[in-house]
Amino acid sequence: SPPPSRDGTRLGVRRVSRELEWSPQQVKLGWTLQEPETEQEAIALQQLKDQICFHKIQIPSSALYAGDLNATLLRFLRSRKLNVTKTTALLKDLVRWRKEMGVNEILSSDNVLDAEKLTVMRKFSRGSNWGYDKEGRPVFFDRPGILEVDKIVANGCTPEDFIMKHVQDMEYIANQMMYEASLAKGQTVDQTLTIVDATGIKLSALTKTVLSTFAKMTKLDQDYYPESNALTIVTNAGYFFAGVFKIISRFLDATTRARTRVLGGGEKQFEALLEFLEADNMPEFCGGNLKHDMIWDENGVSRGHRKMDNEVARRARLVEDGESVEQANLPEFVRGWAEAGVLIMANTEDARRMRMATTALSQPAVDELKSKFKVVVETYNDDGDFSIPRSTPRERRDDNLQRRHSFASTVEMSVDMHMEVLAPDYDDEVEEALESAERIKQMCARVRMMKSRAEILGA
């Protein structure tokens, strides 16, 4: 656990995160942020925030569903049965994976996912986000029975390409559709509904490559997008599907299996789906009014794909114009309400510390922070050592002492904040400044003592 700080807290993190609040600007967005459902969740969430601050885990803004930090952390905690140690390790792995695979840029760059391969994979498969269900959750339709693996492979696509296509779909849901859904519903939405059409699925299609790819995608979802799917409904599942499900279910964790509902078609299936979807927003293959060609064109491109492509192009232009990836990744309708990292928090010292400790600090941001730290030290050096000549008249001594005490308090608070944030990133560049910082803190303590003695003598 983190070492205790001078004031007895754990680097002040426990106090910091407990006082963290969202600003009134965030409330004006129109949705309420998620809170723990039980006391055990609240305790685990607090402990996880402590660990995030202590280990300086820099969670990218694009990893936050609808910009809601609590909702995101709670999903990871629930996936690990509120085990803080396992969740902390998972978050570290999440940050590593997103960086190595270019996931943070997958919605703002054309370089992460090859456009030609994406066109091929869409043409010979049918899977796409499509609107929202009655509870306001994004809906994803998938028709694996239409998947033409041979043609996808023949056009140069690999299983890794297919996995990255899936990742882009997941990122678009998290970084666009979840924001839209939250705004519409008035509270954070961080889960989806998945409809899978079992028509055409054959046991012979479950080749070694297909099962291996499915296993990797499932593991990826369970580790890096945990608890993000509220329910999977398998439709048109004939008697043969029992054998298929027996094979694929071994790759699913217990929670995912419990959240999978299998329907056999017909009127009962339609009535069951009406609980979640309006008939006009339900595909024809499920008994609804949406024909296949209303969702996908002849090239497998859906309305959801076109919206995503337009959004990726918009964000890529912003990055090309010099905007940071963190800022460009925000949906257009929340621009101006948010800062890179997370949505605006209360403008307090504690909130700023928490934001810096829990969000992605780019290298330029770290450099800027170090520069500010140096300015603090230089300001102290320029002002002197707070000493007051004995020949100074009493009134001027009191004024000078009060001024130096105020200055010392301001400097000390600033030094504390910067030292806390930069603690794991100390390098030769700031080593001298850090030594000066310790001297500042010692001098501040002397000033407080001088002021106390003056007040006692004055009394």
Foldseek 3Di string as FASTA:
>chain_A
DADADPVRHRLCQLVLVVPWFADVLVLVLQAAEDDDPDPLLNVLLSVLLSLLLRVLLAAFCLLAFLLHPSVSLSLLCVLVVSPSVVSNVLSNVLSVVCVVLVLLCLLQDCPNAPPVLLLQQLLQFAKFWAAFWPQLAIEIEGERLSHDVVSSVVVPDALVNVLVNVSLRVSCCRFPSQNVSRSVNRYGQQAHEYEYEPPNDDPVVCDPRNLVSLLVSQVCCSRRVGPRYQAYEYEQDDPCVVVVCVVNVVSHDPVHVVRYHYYNADPVQVVVCVVIHDLQRDEVSSVGDNDPCQAAPNSNAGPRNVVSVVLSHQLNVVVVVPDDSQLSSHDPVCRVQQDRFGGHIPPDLSNVLSSLSHHHQDPVNLVVLLVVLVVLLVVDVVVPLLDDDPPDDPVVVLVSLVVSLVSLVVSLSSNSSSCSSCVVPDDPVCPVSVVSSVVSVVSNVVSVVVNVVVVVVVD
